[in-house]
Protein backbone atom coordinates (compact mmCIF):
# COMPACT_ATOMS: atom_id res chain seq x y z
CA MET A 1 -5.33 14.62 7.24
CA LEU A 2 -4.36 12.76 4.07
CA ARG A 3 -7.25 10.29 4.42
CA GLN A 4 -9.66 13.18 4.99
CA ALA A 5 -8.31 14.97 1.91
CA VAL A 6 -8.89 11.89 -0.26
CA LYS A 7 -12.57 11.94 0.77
CA ASP A 8 -12.98 15.69 0.16
CA PRO A 9 -14.03 16.40 -3.45
CA THR A 10 -12.68 19.97 -3.18
CA ILE A 11 -9.09 18.77 -2.59
CA PRO A 12 -7.31 17.28 -5.63
CA ILE A 13 -5.75 14.38 -3.73
CA THR A 14 -6.60 10.82 -4.74
CA PHE A 15 -5.94 7.28 -3.56
CA VAL A 16 -5.98 4.42 -6.06
CA SER A 17 -6.37 1.23 -4.04
CA GLN A 18 -5.65 -0.95 -7.08
CA PHE A 19 -2.03 0.22 -7.06
CA ARG A 20 -1.81 1.52 -3.47
CA GLU A 21 -0.95 4.96 -4.84
CA TYR A 22 -1.64 8.45 -3.53
CA GLY A 23 -1.54 11.28 -5.99
CA ILE A 24 -2.39 14.83 -6.88
CA GLN A 25 -5.09 14.95 -9.53
CA VAL A 26 -4.39 16.73 -12.80
CA VAL A 27 -7.37 19.04 -12.95
CA ASP A 28 -8.08 18.87 -16.68
CA GLY A 29 -11.32 16.90 -16.68
CA GLY A 30 -9.57 13.54 -17.01
CA THR A 31 -8.52 10.90 -14.52
CA SER A 32 -4.76 11.51 -14.53
CA TYR A 33 -2.81 12.09 -11.35
CA ILE A 34 0.79 12.61 -10.30
CA VAL A 35 1.96 9.98 -7.83
CA ILE A 36 3.29 11.39 -4.56
CA GLN A 37 5.70 9.60 -2.27
CA TYR A 38 5.30 11.74 0.85
CA CYS A 39 2.27 13.07 2.69
CA PRO A 40 1.88 16.80 1.88
CA TRP A 41 0.84 17.52 5.49
CA CYS A 42 3.12 15.48 7.74
CA ARG A 43 5.91 14.61 5.21
CA LYS A 44 5.73 10.94 6.20
CA LYS A 45 6.81 8.48 3.49
CA LEU A 46 3.79 6.84 1.88
CA PRO A 47 3.55 3.13 1.02
CA VAL A 48 5.41 2.12 -2.12
CA SER A 49 3.25 1.88 -5.24
CA LEU A 50 2.37 -1.65 -6.30
CA ARG A 51 1.70 -0.74 -9.95
CA ASP A 52 4.72 -2.68 -11.31
CA ARG A 53 3.82 -5.73 -9.22
CA TRP A 54 0.20 -5.51 -10.44
CA LEU A 55 1.36 -5.42 -14.06
CA ALA A 56 3.68 -8.39 -13.50
CA GLU A 57 0.90 -10.39 -11.88
CA ILE A 58 -1.73 -9.77 -14.55
CA ARG A 59 0.79 -10.40 -17.33
CA GLY A 60 1.79 -13.60 -15.55
CA LEU A 61 -1.85 -14.62 -15.80
CA GLY A 62 -1.80 -13.91 -19.55
CA PHE A 63 -3.58 -10.53 -19.50
CA GLU A 64 -2.69 -7.00 -20.56
CA PRO A 65 -4.03 -3.83 -18.89
CA GLY A 66 -7.55 -3.07 -20.08
CA ASP A 67 -8.42 -6.71 -20.77
CA LYS A 68 -12.03 -7.22 -19.66
CA ARG A 69 -11.19 -10.78 -18.53
CA ILE A 70 -8.86 -9.67 -15.71
CA PRO A 71 -10.27 -11.13 -12.47
CA LYS A 72 -12.30 -8.59 -10.43
CA LYS A 73 -9.96 -8.87 -7.45
CA TYR A 74 -7.33 -6.98 -9.50
CA SER A 75 -9.57 -3.89 -9.68
CA ASP A 76 -8.84 -2.82 -6.10
CA HIS A 77 -6.81 -3.71 -2.97
CA ARG A 78 -8.03 -7.33 -2.78
CA TRP A 79 -5.19 -8.71 -4.94
CA TYR A 80 -2.48 -7.55 -2.49
CA ALA A 81 -4.40 -7.68 0.80
CA LYS A 82 -3.56 -10.55 3.11
CA SER A 83 -6.23 -13.22 2.98
């Protein structure tokens, strides 16, 4: 149900593959969301966010968030997916 909710534009649930985060959108016209740790339907624990690891990796490469030179693979799941 969670995956279906992410695809449904009428439900304010989002998935950010870049950080492997699920969240509830803040419905204020922006892109903010509140990270959730458990599925709202089945209460199963969701995967741990990789945001801190992402930041450490890009900073280790000499970049800061927002830098246009960050390699494209860091814009989605490719940077943490097994090759």
